Protein backbone atom coordinates (compact mmCIF):
# COMPACT_ATOMS: atom_id res chain seq x y z
CA UNK A 1 0.00 0.00 0.00
CA UNK A 2 2.80 2.40 0.89
CA UNK A 3 4.53 1.65 -2.40
CA UNK A 4 1.34 2.46 -4.28
CA UNK A 5 0.94 5.79 -2.46
CA UNK A 6 4.60 6.62 -3.10
CA UNK A 7 4.24 5.79 -6.77
CA UNK A 8 1.13 7.96 -7.10
CA UNK A 9 2.91 10.83 -5.35
CA UNK A 10 5.91 10.64 -7.71
CA UNK A 11 3.55 10.45 -10.69
CA UNK A 12 1.64 13.51 -9.51
CA UNK A 13 4.87 15.44 -8.96
CA UNK A 14 6.05 14.57 -12.44
CA UNK A 15 2.72 15.57 -13.93
CA UNK A 16 2.77 18.87 -12.03
CA UNK A 17 6.29 19.64 -13.23
CA UNK A 18 5.37 18.91 -16.84
CA UNK A 19 2.28 21.09 -16.54
CA UNK A 20 4.38 23.91 -15.08
CA UNK A 21 6.88 23.70 -17.94
CA UNK A 22 4.03 23.65 -20.44
CA UNK A 23 2.45 26.69 -18.78
CA UNK A 24 5.75 28.57 -19.07
CA UNK A 25 6.19 27.62 -22.72
CA UNK A 26 2.62 28.61 -23.57
CA UNK A 27 2.79 31.98 -21.79
CA UNK A 28 2.01 35.09 -23.80
CA UNK A 29 4.57 37.69 -24.91
CA UNK A 30 3.96 39.95 -21.90
CA UNK A 31 4.28 37.06 -19.42
CA UNK A 32 7.44 35.80 -21.15
CA UNK A 33 8.93 39.29 -20.91
CA UNK A 34 8.22 39.33 -17.17
CA UNK A 35 9.72 35.86 -16.79
CA UNK A 36 12.87 36.94 -18.66
CA UNK A 37 13.30 39.97 -16.39
CA UNK A 38 12.82 37.79 -13.30
CA UNK A 39 15.34 35.28 -14.62
CA UNK A 40 17.92 38.03 -15.12
CA UNK A 41 17.29 39.34 -11.60
CA UNK A 42 17.76 35.82 -10.23
CA UNK A 43 20.99 35.16 -12.15
CA UNK A 44 22.60 38.47 -11.18
CA UNK A 45 21.49 38.17 -7.55
CA UNK A 46 23.05 34.71 -7.27
CA UNK A 47 26.23 36.08 -8.83
CA UNK A 48 26.32 38.81 -6.17
CA UNK A 49 25.61 36.29 -3.40
CA UNK A 50 28.42 33.94 -4.42
CA UNK A 51 30.89 36.80 -4.95
CA UNK A 52 30.14 38.24 -1.50
CA UNK A 53 30.41 34.85 0.18
CA UNK A 54 33.91 34.27 -1.24
CA UNK A 55 34.93 37.89 -0.50
CA UNK A 56 33.77 37.78 3.12
CA UNK A 57 35.38 34.40 3.74
CA UNK A 58 38.71 35.73 2.53
CA UNK A 59 38.38 38.86 4.66
CA UNK A 60 37.60 36.77 7.73
CA UNK A 61 40.59 34.48 7.09
CA UNK A 62 43.03 37.38 6.58
CA UNK A 63 41.67 39.28 9.60
CA UNK A 64 42.30 36.27 11.84
CA UNK A 65 45.84 35.92 10.44
CA UNK A 66 46.63 39.60 10.98
CA UNK A 67 45.29 39.55 14.55
CA UNK A 68 47.65 36.66 15.33
CA UNK A 69 50.55 38.68 13.89
CA UNK A 70 49.49 41.75 15.89
CA UNK A 71 49.52 39.76 19.13
CA UNK A 72 52.87 38.15 18.28
CA UNK A 73 54.80 41.16 16.97
CA UNK A 74 53.45 43.73 19.42
CA UNK A 75 54.95 47.16 18.71
CA UNK A 76 57.16 46.08 15.80
CA UNK A 77 55.19 48.23 13.39
CA UNK A 78 57.69 47.77 10.57
CA UNK A 79 57.13 44.02 10.48
CA UNK A 80 53.40 44.47 10.98
CA UNK A 81 53.29 46.84 8.03
CA UNK A 82 54.96 44.21 5.85
CA UNK A 83 52.37 41.66 6.95
CA UNK A 84 49.61 44.18 6.27
CA UNK A 85 50.86 44.50 2.69
CA UNK A 86 50.55 40.74 2.29
CA UNK A 87 47.06 40.65 3.83
CA UNK A 88 45.68 43.74 2.12
CA UNK A 89 42.33 42.09 1.35
CA UNK A 90 41.51 42.03 5.07
CA UNK A 91 39.87 45.01 6.72
CA UNK A 92 42.14 45.02 9.79
CA UNK A 93 45.35 45.01 7.77
CA UNK A 94 44.04 47.92 5.73
CA UNK A 95 43.13 49.88 8.87
CA UNK A 96 46.58 49.27 10.30
CA UNK A 97 48.43 50.11 7.08
CA UNK A 98 46.72 53.46 6.55
CA UNK A 99 46.97 54.33 10.26
CA UNK A 100 50.67 53.47 10.27
CA UNK A 101 51.35 55.68 7.25
CA UNK A 102 49.48 58.53 8.93
CA UNK A 103 51.49 57.98 12.12
CA UNK A 104 54.79 58.12 10.24
CA UNK A 105 53.68 61.33 8.55
CA UNK A 106 53.00 63.17 11.83
CA UNK A 107 55.81 61.62 13.97
CA UNK A 108 59.55 62.11 14.38
CA UNK A 109 61.91 59.21 13.79
CA UNK A 110 64.76 58.84 16.32
CA UNK A 111 66.96 55.71 16.38
CA UNK A 112 64.44 53.76 14.31
CA UNK A 113 61.69 54.65 16.81
CA UNK A 114 58.60 56.76 16.18
CA UNK A 115 58.19 59.66 18.62
CA UNK A 116 54.72 61.19 18.85
CA UNK A 117 52.33 62.81 21.34
CA UNK A 118 48.60 62.70 21.95
CA UNK A 119 47.72 65.43 19.40
CA UNK A 120 49.24 63.20 16.72
CA UNK A 121 47.12 60.28 17.95
CA UNK A 122 43.98 62.36 17.34
CA UNK A 123 45.01 62.67 13.68
CA UNK A 124 45.61 58.92 13.48
CA UNK A 125 42.18 58.26 14.99
CA UNK A 126 40.50 60.50 12.42
CA UNK A 127 42.30 58.60 9.69
CA UNK A 128 40.95 55.35 11.14
CA UNK A 129 37.41 56.70 11.05
CA UNK A 130 37.79 57.61 7.39
CA UNK A 131 39.04 54.09 6.65
CA UNK A 132 36.03 52.66 8.48
CA UNK A 133 33.67 54.55 6.22
CA UNK A 134 35.53 53.56 3.06
CA UNK A 135 35.57 49.91 4.06
CA UNK A 136 31.86 49.83 4.92
CA UNK A 137 31.06 51.31 1.50
CA UNK A 138 33.29 48.67 -0.13
CA UNK A 139 31.72 45.81 1.87
CA UNK A 140 28.17 46.93 1.11
CA UNK A 141 28.84 47.31 -2.59
CA UNK A 142 26.22 45.48 -4.72
CA UNK A 143 24.13 44.55 -1.66
CA UNK A 144 21.61 47.15 -2.82
CA UNK A 145 20.94 44.90 -5.82
CA UNK A 146 19.86 42.08 -3.47
CA UNK A 147 17.53 44.46 -1.65
CA UNK A 148 16.11 45.62 -5.00
CA UNK A 149 15.60 42.02 -6.12
CA UNK A 150 13.83 41.15 -2.88
CA UNK A 151 11.43 44.08 -3.24
CA UNK A 152 10.85 44.27 -6.99
CA UNK A 153 10.60 40.63 -8.08
CA UNK A 154 7.41 39.77 -6.12
CA UNK A 155 5.77 42.87 -7.57
CA UNK A 156 6.83 41.93 -11.09
CA UNK A 157 5.45 38.44 -10.53
CA UNK A 158 2.20 39.90 -9.26
CA UNK A 159 2.02 42.19 -12.29
CA UNK A 160 2.36 39.21 -14.63
CA UNK A 161 -0.29 37.32 -12.68
CA UNK A 162 -2.77 40.18 -12.75
CA UNK A 163 -2.17 40.70 -16.44
CA UNK A 164 -2.69 36.99 -17.15
CA UNK A 165 -5.86 36.78 -15.05
CA UNK A 166 -7.23 39.89 -16.72
CA UNK A 167 -6.57 38.43 -20.16
CA UNK A 168 -8.22 35.16 -19.16
CA UNK A 169 -11.40 36.84 -17.97
CA UNK A 170 -11.54 39.02 -21.05
CA UNK A 171 -11.47 35.94 -23.32
CA UNK A 172 -14.35 34.40 -21.34
CA UNK A 173 -16.75 37.21 -22.22
CA UNK A 174 -19.75 35.91 -24.20
CA UNK A 175 -18.90 32.20 -23.83
CA UNK A 176 -21.12 29.53 -22.31
CA UNK A 177 -20.41 28.12 -18.87
CA UNK A 178 -18.95 24.77 -20.00
CA UNK A 179 -16.44 26.38 -22.33
CA UNK A 180 -15.60 29.00 -19.71
CA UNK A 181 -14.60 26.34 -17.17
CA UNK A 182 -12.29 24.72 -19.72
CA UNK A 183 -10.53 28.02 -20.39
CA UNK A 184 -10.16 29.38 -16.90
CA UNK A 185 -7.90 26.60 -15.55
CA UNK A 186 -5.02 26.86 -18.08
CA UNK A 187 -5.28 30.64 -18.13
CA UNK A 188 -5.00 31.00 -14.36
CA UNK A 189 -2.14 28.48 -14.13
CA UNK A 190 -0.26 30.36 -16.83
CA UNK A 191 -0.80 33.63 -14.99
CA UNK A 192 0.48 32.24 -11.68
CA UNK A 193 3.82 31.14 -13.14
CA UNK A 194 5.12 34.71 -12.95
CA UNK A 195 4.30 34.84 -9.24
CA UNK A 196 6.25 31.61 -8.68
CA UNK A 197 9.25 32.98 -10.58
CA UNK A 198 9.05 36.25 -8.65
CA UNK A 199 9.08 34.50 -5.29
CA UNK A 200 11.84 32.17 -6.46
CA UNK A 201 14.05 35.16 -7.22
CA UNK A 202 13.10 37.19 -4.13
CA UNK A 203 13.35 34.61 -1.32
CA UNK A 204 17.08 33.77 -1.74
CA UNK A 205 17.85 37.48 -2.16
CA UNK A 206 16.11 38.32 1.14
CA UNK A 207 17.92 35.57 3.06
CA UNK A 208 21.31 36.44 1.58
CA UNK A 209 20.85 40.18 2.10
CA UNK A 210 20.07 39.79 5.81
CA UNK A 211 23.00 37.41 6.34
CA UNK A 212 25.47 39.61 4.45
CA UNK A 213 24.37 42.82 6.16
CA UNK A 214 24.87 41.09 9.51
CA UNK A 215 28.38 40.06 8.41
CA UNK A 216 29.18 43.65 7.44
CA UNK A 217 28.10 44.78 10.91
CA UNK A 218 30.45 42.21 12.45
CA UNK A 219 33.35 43.45 10.30
CA UNK A 220 32.64 46.99 11.46
CA UNK A 221 32.72 45.95 15.12
CA UNK A 222 36.00 44.09 14.53
CA UNK A 223 37.55 47.20 12.96
CA UNK A 224 36.43 49.39 15.86
CA UNK A 225 37.77 46.91 18.41
CA UNK A 226 41.09 46.69 16.58
CA UNK A 227 41.33 50.49 16.45
CA UNK A 228 40.86 50.65 20.23
CA UNK A 229 43.63 48.08 20.75
CA UNK A 230 45.98 49.87 18.36
CA UNK A 231 45.41 53.22 20.05
CA UNK A 232 46.00 51.56 23.42
CA UNK A 233 49.45 50.38 22.25
CA UNK A 234 50.30 53.90 21.13
CA UNK A 235 49.02 55.40 24.40
CA UNK A 236 51.22 52.99 26.38
CA UNK A 237 54.20 54.13 24.36
CA UNK A 238 53.51 57.78 25.23
CA UNK A 239 53.03 57.00 28.93
CA UNK A 240 56.18 54.86 29.13
CA UNK A 241 58.29 57.50 27.38
CA UNK A 242 56.91 60.20 29.69
CA UNK A 243 57.75 58.07 32.73
CA UNK A 244 61.32 57.67 31.46
CA UNK A 245 61.70 61.42 30.99
CA UNK A 246 60.44 62.12 34.54
CA UNK A 247 62.93 59.63 35.95
CA UNK A 248 65.76 61.42 34.13
CA UNK A 249 64.57 64.82 35.39
CA UNK A 250 64.80 63.60 39.03
CA UNK A 251 68.49 62.80 38.73
CA UNK A 252 68.21 59.13 37.85
CA UNK A 253 70.34 57.50 35.18
CA UNK A 254 69.29 58.58 31.70
CA UNK A 255 68.48 55.07 30.54
CA UNK A 256 66.02 54.09 27.83
CA UNK A 257 62.54 53.51 29.31
CA UNK A 258 61.86 49.87 29.98
CA UNK A 259 59.14 49.37 27.39
CA UNK A 260 57.57 46.00 26.87
CA UNK A 261 57.30 44.55 23.37
CA UNK A 262 53.71 45.72 23.17
CA UNK A 263 54.71 49.28 24.10
CA UNK A 264 57.60 49.84 21.70
CA UNK A 265 56.82 51.41 18.35
CA UNK A 266 59.63 50.35 16.07
CA UNK A 267 59.88 50.92 12.34
CA UNK A 268 62.64 48.41 11.71
């Protein structure tokens, strides 16, 4: 009995699929135009989805690698800058690279060490904020197409359906009831194909858009957290250098301040 039910179900599914294909092939010129537009929306939206998935995966991988280097190298900004050049697809490496170039512009170099004060850090922080904005624009590029697909495609499908239903009812005018019933079924099924195509294009776009926008928000939080950590390293350098200068002013030996690896800002 179960085999019979399963066989009937498979037969009905096959019949439904063949009827759907036939309804698409027999659609009128207006409906076929709508279906072509929906197909183009679907193809381009999937292209955007796949491109963003590969892009975000690479960014995540390079961000993790650069964070490991940042923890390991500490204040060796010269080596970190070289690593940033190798991991330039990541957002964190880009933030560091541009911030480091800004820091070198506003600082003095003494014995392969960068010397700077808090006013210079304010300029570096502003540079970071500009990089944040540029990166968010870059990450959100083409996501507007997914939002457009999610909003427009159901409406296009509905337009094709309404047009098809209207044409079906117009052809039924003046016909007897028996002939009318024979015409209404194929006409309505043909009209509803555009709605199916519209939803088929819109649903993946909605899901992908929400997931990708959430990923962009995570990247932004990671950049802000990294900026705080980078500024903390630079602040420690200022405080340690100031402590060394005070010790020298009180008659102590004029030794180099005992900076930890995380506090030194070297350009070697």
